[in-house]
Amino acid sequence: MTMDLLLALAGFAFVASITPGPSNLILLASGVNFGFRRTAPVVLGVSFGFLSMLLIVGMGVGQVLRTNETVYAILRILSVLYVLWLAWKIATSLPPQAEEGSPSARPITFWQASLLQWVNPKAWAVALIVTVSYTTPADYLLSLLLIISVFGIVNLPSISAWAMFGVLLRQVLSDPVKVRVFNVAMALLLVAAMAPILMDLAHQAASPIE
């Protein structure tokens, strides 16, 4: 991989990682509700989940899933249900003053954050784009590992910024009512991020069976 292509990859990784998406919205909400220390496992889970997705998609699994219409449709339905559950969890999160032992006063776990990447449309799109655009047939495995390494370096600090921004907002949203309004807004934005899939599934359900 040439230096120009490597720099282009790093730029793409930064833009893909820093721009809004389901994962970053969850990190923002978690930063507001739980602070950075308790959100750190979520940050690591998001990064680990995406990097592992890059590896598996790059090895051809992603294309196999996309060409199997039945499996792909089932996965899309499960992805919507999982994101709706996460949105509900955010909407019902207790404010920072809540009791630590309350079930609603805990962030999602490392593994839940990792699993989110597999039902995240943005993560799928990025993984498919980079594995097609930045790998070289002559040294495919080496270039794939290089892509994963670059994303690992760029992705973690980029998504951490969303959690840190949430921590800053935490100081502003000291009123429990404001926190609840914020949580509901984040949940609605998370559902909105799934709108293209929801509309596509509705269109497929309404289409006549031939």
C-alpha atoms as a PDB file:
ATOM      1  CA  MET A   1       0.000   0.000   0.000  1.00  0.00           C
ATOM      2  CA  THR A   2       1.442   3.361  -1.046  1.00  0.00           C
ATOM      3  CA  MET A   3       1.769   6.291   1.361  1.00  0.00           C
ATOM      4  CA  ASP A   4      -0.917   8.249  -0.512  1.00  0.00           C
ATOM      5  CA  LEU A   5      -3.357   5.344  -0.220  1.00  0.00           C
ATOM      6  CA  LEU A   6      -2.464   4.898   3.446  1.00  0.00           C
ATOM      7  CA  LEU A   7      -3.161   8.578   4.164  1.00  0.00           C
ATOM      8  CA  ALA A   8      -6.433   8.343   2.268  1.00  0.00           C
ATOM      9  CA  LEU A   9      -7.378   5.306   4.337  1.00  0.00           C
ATOM     10  CA  ALA A  10      -6.532   7.139   7.577  1.00  0.00           C
ATOM     11  CA  GLY A  11      -8.669  10.097   6.482  1.00  0.00           C
ATOM     12  CA  PHE A  12     -11.567   7.832   5.606  1.00  0.00           C
ATOM     13  CA  ALA A  13     -11.215   6.011   8.930  1.00  0.00           C
ATOM     14  CA  PHE A  14     -11.350   9.316  10.812  1.00  0.00           C
ATOM     15  CA  VAL A  15     -14.427  10.580   8.969  1.00  0.00           C
ATOM     16  CA  ALA A  16     -16.199   7.224   9.318  1.00  0.00           C
ATOM     17  CA  SER A  17     -15.381   7.038  13.038  1.00  0.00           C
ATOM     18  CA  ILE A  18     -16.103  10.623  14.095  1.00  0.00           C
ATOM     19  CA  THR A  19     -19.367  11.223  12.235  1.00  0.00           C
ATOM     20  CA  PRO A  20     -22.729  10.525  13.928  1.00  0.00           C
ATOM     21  CA  GLY A  21     -24.101   7.004  13.926  1.00  0.00           C
ATOM     22  CA  PRO A  22     -25.870   4.578  16.273  1.00  0.00           C
ATOM     23  CA  SER A  23     -22.681   3.701  18.184  1.00  0.00           C
ATOM     24  CA  ASN A  24     -21.611   7.311  18.697  1.00  0.00           C
ATOM     25  CA  LEU A  25     -25.093   8.302  19.853  1.00  0.00           C
ATOM     26  CA  ILE A  26     -24.957   5.522  22.448  1.00  0.00           C
ATOM     27  CA  LEU A  27     -21.494   6.667  23.587  1.00  0.00           C
ATOM     28  CA  LEU A  28     -22.738  10.239  23.901  1.00  0.00           C
ATOM     29  CA  ALA A  29     -25.735   9.168  25.980  1.00  0.00           C
ATOM     30  CA  SER A  30     -23.591   6.861  28.124  1.00  0.00           C
ATOM     31  CA  GLY A  31     -21.103   9.670  28.779  1.00  0.00           C
ATOM     32  CA  VAL A  32     -23.929  11.910  29.975  1.00  0.00           C
ATOM     33  CA  ASN A  33     -25.512   9.287  32.205  1.00  0.00           C
ATOM     34  CA  PHE A  34     -22.520   7.383  33.579  1.00  0.00           C
ATOM     35  CA  GLY A  35     -19.336   9.403  33.048  1.00  0.00           C
ATOM     36  CA  PHE A  36     -16.251   8.335  31.111  1.00  0.00           C
ATOM     37  CA  ARG A  37     -14.899   5.694  33.498  1.00  0.00           C
ATOM     38  CA  ARG A  38     -18.082   3.604  33.373  1.00  0.00           C
ATOM     39  CA  THR A  39     -18.453   4.255  29.641  1.00  0.00           C
ATOM     40  CA  ALA A  40     -14.893   3.065  28.864  1.00  0.00           C
ATOM     41  CA  PRO A  41     -15.971  -0.613  28.426  1.00  0.00           C
ATOM     42  CA  VAL A  42     -18.626   0.572  25.970  1.00  0.00           C
ATOM     43  CA  VAL A  43     -15.986   2.488  23.984  1.00  0.00           C
ATOM     44  CA  LEU A  44     -13.724  -0.568  23.903  1.00  0.00           C
ATOM     45  CA  GLY A  45     -16.645  -2.817  22.963  1.00  0.00           C
ATOM     46  CA  VAL A  46     -17.614  -0.596  20.020  1.00  0.00           C
ATOM     47  CA  SER A  47     -14.036  -0.528  18.740  1.00  0.00           C
ATOM     48  CA  PHE A  48     -13.477  -4.273  19.231  1.00  0.00           C
ATOM     49  CA  GLY A  49     -16.792  -5.122  17.576  1.00  0.00           C
ATOM     50  CA  PHE A  50     -16.047  -3.026  14.520  1.00  0.00           C
ATOM     51  CA  LEU A  51     -12.467  -4.255  14.102  1.00  0.00           C
ATOM     52  CA  SER A  52     -13.592  -7.875  14.363  1.00  0.00           C
ATOM     53  CA  MET A  53     -16.313  -7.094  11.820  1.00  0.00           C
ATOM     54  CA  LEU A  54     -13.683  -5.700   9.449  1.00  0.00           C
ATOM     55  CA  LEU A  55     -11.703  -8.929   9.717  1.00  0.00           C
ATOM     56  CA  ILE A  56     -14.683 -11.246   9.207  1.00  0.00           C
ATOM     57  CA  VAL A  57     -16.228  -9.165   6.417  1.00  0.00           C
ATOM     58  CA  GLY A  58     -12.821  -8.915   4.763  1.00  0.00           C
ATOM     59  CA  MET A  59     -12.528 -12.705   4.806  1.00  0.00           C
ATOM     60  CA  GLY A  60     -15.706 -12.938   2.731  1.00  0.00           C
ATOM     61  CA  VAL A  61     -18.416 -13.654   5.300  1.00  0.00           C
ATOM     62  CA  GLY A  62     -20.146 -10.328   4.741  1.00  0.00           C
ATOM     63  CA  GLN A  63     -20.606 -10.960   1.026  1.00  0.00           C
ATOM     64  CA  VAL A  64     -21.930 -14.463   1.686  1.00  0.00           C
ATOM     65  CA  LEU A  65     -24.551 -13.086   4.086  1.00  0.00           C
ATOM     66  CA  ARG A  66     -25.609 -10.392   1.629  1.00  0.00           C
ATOM     67  CA  THR A  67     -26.105 -12.884  -1.196  1.00  0.00           C
ATOM     68  CA  ASN A  68     -28.286 -15.182   0.946  1.00  0.00           C
ATOM     69  CA  GLU A  69     -31.554 -13.233   0.888  1.00  0.00           C
ATOM     70  CA  THR A  70     -33.316 -15.216   3.627  1.00  0.00           C
ATOM     71  CA  VAL A  71     -30.467 -15.025   6.131  1.00  0.00           C
ATOM     72  CA  TYR A  72     -29.877 -11.368   5.253  1.00  0.00           C
ATOM     73  CA  ALA A  73     -33.555 -10.489   5.833  1.00  0.00           C
ATOM     74  CA  ILE A  74     -33.581 -12.280   9.192  1.00  0.00           C
ATOM     75  CA  LEU A  75     -30.431 -10.463  10.272  1.00  0.00           C
ATOM     76  CA  ARG A  76     -31.921  -7.109   9.307  1.00  0.00           C
ATOM     77  CA  ILE A  77     -35.061  -7.787  11.356  1.00  0.00           C
ATOM     78  CA  LEU A  78     -32.954  -8.844  14.344  1.00  0.00           C
ATOM     79  CA  SER A  79     -30.827  -5.730  13.928  1.00  0.00           C
ATOM     80  CA  VAL A  80     -33.888  -3.489  14.096  1.00  0.00           C
ATOM     81  CA  LEU A  81     -35.196  -5.281  17.200  1.00  0.00           C
ATOM     82  CA  TYR A  82     -31.803  -5.027  18.915  1.00  0.00           C
ATOM     83  CA  VAL A  83     -31.446  -1.301  18.191  1.00  0.00           C
ATOM     84  CA  LEU A  84     -35.018  -0.679  19.373  1.00  0.00           C
ATOM     85  CA  TRP A  85     -34.112  -2.455  22.633  1.00  0.00           C
ATOM     86  CA  LEU A  86     -31.023  -0.266  23.001  1.00  0.00           C
ATOM     87  CA  ALA A  87     -33.137   2.835  22.305  1.00  0.00           C
ATOM     88  CA  TRP A  88     -35.573   1.761  25.033  1.00  0.00           C
ATOM     89  CA  LYS A  89     -32.666   1.193  27.419  1.00  0.00           C
ATOM     90  CA  ILE A  90     -31.373   4.708  26.741  1.00  0.00           C
ATOM     91  CA  ALA A  91     -34.815   6.312  27.016  1.00  0.00           C
ATOM     92  CA  THR A  92     -35.412   4.681  30.411  1.00  0.00           C
ATOM     93  CA  SER A  93     -31.905   5.317  31.798  1.00  0.00           C
ATOM     94  CA  LEU A  94     -31.915   6.975  35.173  1.00  0.00           C
ATOM     95  CA  PRO A  95     -30.168  10.345  35.653  1.00  0.00           C
ATOM     96  CA  PRO A  96     -26.662  10.534  37.198  1.00  0.00           C
ATOM     97  CA  GLN A  97     -28.127  10.916  40.696  1.00  0.00           C
ATOM     98  CA  ALA A  98     -29.792   7.492  40.506  1.00  0.00           C
ATOM     99  CA  GLU A  99     -28.804   4.649  42.768  1.00  0.00           C
ATOM    100  CA  GLU A 100     -25.789   2.695  41.484  1.00  0.00           C
ATOM    101  CA  GLY A 101     -27.464  -0.654  42.079  1.00  0.00           C
ATOM    102  CA  SER A 102     -30.524   0.138  39.996  1.00  0.00           C
ATOM    103  CA  PRO A 103     -30.786  -1.872  36.743  1.00  0.00           C
ATOM    104  CA  SER A 104     -31.505   1.364  34.867  1.00  0.00           C
ATOM    105  CA  ALA A 105     -28.362   2.988  36.286  1.00  0.00           C
ATOM    106  CA  ARG A 106     -25.909   0.788  34.384  1.00  0.00           C
ATOM    107  CA  PRO A 107     -24.392   1.314  30.924  1.00  0.00           C
ATOM    108  CA  ILE A 108     -24.560  -1.403  28.321  1.00  0.00           C
ATOM    109  CA  THR A 109     -21.803  -3.994  28.587  1.00  0.00           C
ATOM    110  CA  PHE A 110     -18.654  -4.508  26.491  1.00  0.00           C
ATOM    111  CA  TRP A 111     -20.249  -7.420  24.639  1.00  0.00           C
ATOM    112  CA  GLN A 112     -23.531  -5.615  24.028  1.00  0.00           C
ATOM    113  CA  ALA A 113     -21.579  -2.731  22.502  1.00  0.00           C
ATOM    114  CA  SER A 114     -19.591  -5.193  20.377  1.00  0.00           C
ATOM    115  CA  LEU A 115     -22.759  -6.899  19.158  1.00  0.00           C
ATOM    116  CA  LEU A 116     -24.192  -3.514  18.191  1.00  0.00           C
ATOM    117  CA  GLN A 117     -21.646  -3.279  15.357  1.00  0.00           C
ATOM    118  CA  TRP A 118     -23.122  -6.345  13.697  1.00  0.00           C
ATOM    119  CA  VAL A 119     -26.548  -4.698  13.518  1.00  0.00           C
ATOM    120  CA  ASN A 120     -25.230  -1.211  12.744  1.00  0.00           C
ATOM    121  CA  PRO A 121     -25.941  -0.204   9.113  1.00  0.00           C
ATOM    122  CA  LYS A 122     -23.169   2.403   9.188  1.00  0.00           C
ATOM    123  CA  ALA A 123     -20.612  -0.168  10.383  1.00  0.00           C
ATOM    124  CA  TRP A 124     -21.649  -2.606   7.633  1.00  0.00           C
ATOM    125  CA  ALA A 125     -21.375   0.069   4.963  1.00  0.00           C
ATOM    126  CA  VAL A 126     -17.924   1.191   6.128  1.00  0.00           C
ATOM    127  CA  ALA A 127     -16.638  -2.386   6.442  1.00  0.00           C
ATOM    128  CA  LEU A 128     -17.783  -3.306   2.929  1.00  0.00           C
ATOM    129  CA  ILE A 129     -16.408  -0.097   1.407  1.00  0.00           C
ATOM    130  CA  VAL A 130     -12.917  -0.329   2.919  1.00  0.00           C
ATOM    131  CA  THR A 131     -12.470  -4.049   2.295  1.00  0.00           C
ATOM    132  CA  VAL A 132     -13.315  -3.507  -1.385  1.00  0.00           C
ATOM    133  CA  SER A 133     -11.590  -0.159  -1.929  1.00  0.00           C
ATOM    134  CA  TYR A 134      -8.363  -0.415   0.068  1.00  0.00           C
ATOM    135  CA  THR A 135      -7.299  -4.059  -0.202  1.00  0.00           C
ATOM    136  CA  THR A 136      -4.867  -5.180  -2.883  1.00  0.00           C
ATOM    137  CA  PRO A 137      -5.403  -8.583  -4.582  1.00  0.00           C
ATOM    138  CA  ALA A 138      -1.672  -9.340  -4.674  1.00  0.00           C
ATOM    139  CA  ASP A 139      -1.292  -9.000  -0.884  1.00  0.00           C
ATOM    140  CA  TYR A 140      -4.899  -9.270   0.231  1.00  0.00           C
ATOM    141  CA  LEU A 141      -4.428 -10.573   3.772  1.00  0.00           C
ATOM    142  CA  LEU A 142      -1.572  -8.171   4.513  1.00  0.00           C
ATOM    143  CA  SER A 143      -3.532  -5.184   3.209  1.00  0.00           C
ATOM    144  CA  LEU A 144      -6.612  -6.283   5.195  1.00  0.00           C
ATOM    145  CA  LEU A 145      -4.561  -6.465   8.408  1.00  0.00           C
ATOM    146  CA  LEU A 146      -3.120  -3.026   7.615  1.00  0.00           C
ATOM    147  CA  ILE A 147      -6.642  -1.626   7.187  1.00  0.00           C
ATOM    148  CA  ILE A 148      -7.647  -3.089  10.563  1.00  0.00           C
ATOM    149  CA  SER A 149      -4.515  -1.614  12.185  1.00  0.00           C
ATOM    150  CA  VAL A 150      -5.183   1.868  10.773  1.00  0.00           C
ATOM    151  CA  PHE A 151      -8.811   1.763  11.894  1.00  0.00           C
ATOM    152  CA  GLY A 152      -7.689   0.549  15.324  1.00  0.00           C
ATOM    153  CA  ILE A 153      -5.389   3.550  15.710  1.00  0.00           C
ATOM    154  CA  VAL A 154      -7.905   6.096  14.411  1.00  0.00           C
ATOM    155  CA  ASN A 155     -11.204   4.667  15.623  1.00  0.00           C
ATOM    156  CA  LEU A 156     -10.624   4.445  19.372  1.00  0.00           C
ATOM    157  CA  PRO A 157      -9.739   8.119  20.048  1.00  0.00           C
ATOM    158  CA  SER A 158     -12.414   9.277  17.583  1.00  0.00           C
ATOM    159  CA  ILE A 159     -15.288   7.463  19.254  1.00  0.00           C
ATOM    160  CA  SER A 160     -13.877   8.309  22.691  1.00  0.00           C
ATOM    161  CA  ALA A 161     -14.458  11.963  21.809  1.00  0.00           C
ATOM    162  CA  TRP A 162     -18.208  11.294  21.756  1.00  0.00           C
ATOM    163  CA  ALA A 163     -18.090   9.818  25.246  1.00  0.00           C
ATOM    164  CA  MET A 164     -15.992  12.773  26.440  1.00  0.00           C
ATOM    165  CA  PHE A 165     -18.478  15.200  24.906  1.00  0.00           C
ATOM    166  CA  GLY A 166     -21.171  13.404  26.852  1.00  0.00           C
ATOM    167  CA  VAL A 167     -19.149  13.910  30.048  1.00  0.00           C
ATOM    168  CA  LEU A 168     -19.009  17.661  29.302  1.00  0.00           C
ATOM    169  CA  LEU A 169     -22.761  17.726  28.715  1.00  0.00           C
ATOM    170  CA  ARG A 170     -23.163  15.903  32.021  1.00  0.00           C
ATOM    171  CA  GLN A 171     -22.065  19.098  33.772  1.00  0.00           C
ATOM    172  CA  VAL A 172     -24.729  21.090  31.927  1.00  0.00           C
ATOM    173  CA  LEU A 173     -27.538  18.568  32.301  1.00  0.00           C
ATOM    174  CA  SER A 174     -27.478  18.525  36.080  1.00  0.00           C
ATOM    175  CA  ASP A 175     -31.280  18.682  36.299  1.00  0.00           C
ATOM    176  CA  PRO A 176     -32.776  15.128  36.264  1.00  0.00           C
ATOM    177  CA  VAL A 177     -35.635  16.358  34.050  1.00  0.00           C
ATOM    178  CA  LYS A 178     -33.152  17.657  31.448  1.00  0.00           C
ATOM    179  CA  VAL A 179     -31.321  14.333  31.532  1.00  0.00           C
ATOM    180  CA  ARG A 180     -34.540  12.415  30.909  1.00  0.00           C
ATOM    181  CA  VAL A 181     -35.415  14.699  27.984  1.00  0.00           C
ATOM    182  CA  PHE A 182     -31.906  14.207  26.601  1.00  0.00           C
ATOM    183  CA  ASN A 183     -32.170  10.424  26.942  1.00  0.00           C
ATOM    184  CA  VAL A 184     -35.499  10.317  25.100  1.00  0.00           C
ATOM    185  CA  ALA A 185     -34.073  12.553  22.350  1.00  0.00           C
ATOM    186  CA  MET A 186     -31.053  10.248  21.960  1.00  0.00           C
ATOM    187  CA  ALA A 187     -33.331   7.207  21.822  1.00  0.00           C
ATOM    188  CA  LEU A 188     -35.427   8.816  19.074  1.00  0.00           C
ATOM    189  CA  LEU A 189     -32.289   9.712  17.102  1.00  0.00           C
ATOM    190  CA  LEU A 190     -31.091   6.125  17.439  1.00  0.00           C
ATOM    191  CA  VAL A 191     -34.393   4.846  16.046  1.00  0.00           C
ATOM    192  CA  ALA A 192     -34.203   7.468  13.274  1.00  0.00           C
ATOM    193  CA  ALA A 193     -30.779   6.102  12.310  1.00  0.00           C
ATOM    194  CA  MET A 194     -32.514   2.809  11.529  1.00  0.00           C
ATOM    195  CA  ALA A 195     -35.204   4.494   9.398  1.00  0.00           C
ATOM    196  CA  PRO A 196     -33.783   3.359   6.020  1.00  0.00           C
ATOM    197  CA  ILE A 197     -33.883  -0.287   7.134  1.00  0.00           C
ATOM    198  CA  LEU A 198     -37.370   0.087   8.605  1.00  0.00           C
ATOM    199  CA  MET A 199     -38.691   1.629   5.376  1.00  0.00           C
ATOM    200  CA  ASP A 200     -37.005  -1.019   3.252  1.00  0.00           C
ATOM    201  CA  LEU A 201     -38.458  -3.829   5.376  1.00  0.00           C
ATOM    202  CA  ALA A 202     -41.910  -2.221   5.197  1.00  0.00           C
ATOM    203  CA  HIS A 203     -41.587  -1.922   1.411  1.00  0.00           C
ATOM    204  CA  GLN A 204     -40.600  -5.585   1.105  1.00  0.00           C
ATOM    205  CA  ALA A 205     -43.508  -6.656   3.316  1.00  0.00           C
ATOM    206  CA  ALA A 206     -45.955  -4.631   1.212  1.00  0.00           C
ATOM    207  CA  SER A 207     -44.605  -5.952  -2.106  1.00  0.00           C
ATOM    208  CA  PRO A 208     -46.736  -8.718  -3.682  1.00  0.00           C
ATOM    209  CA  ILE A 209     -45.229 -12.194  -3.650  1.00  0.00           C
ATOM    210  CA  GLU A 210     -44.598 -13.429  -7.145  1.00  0.00           C
END
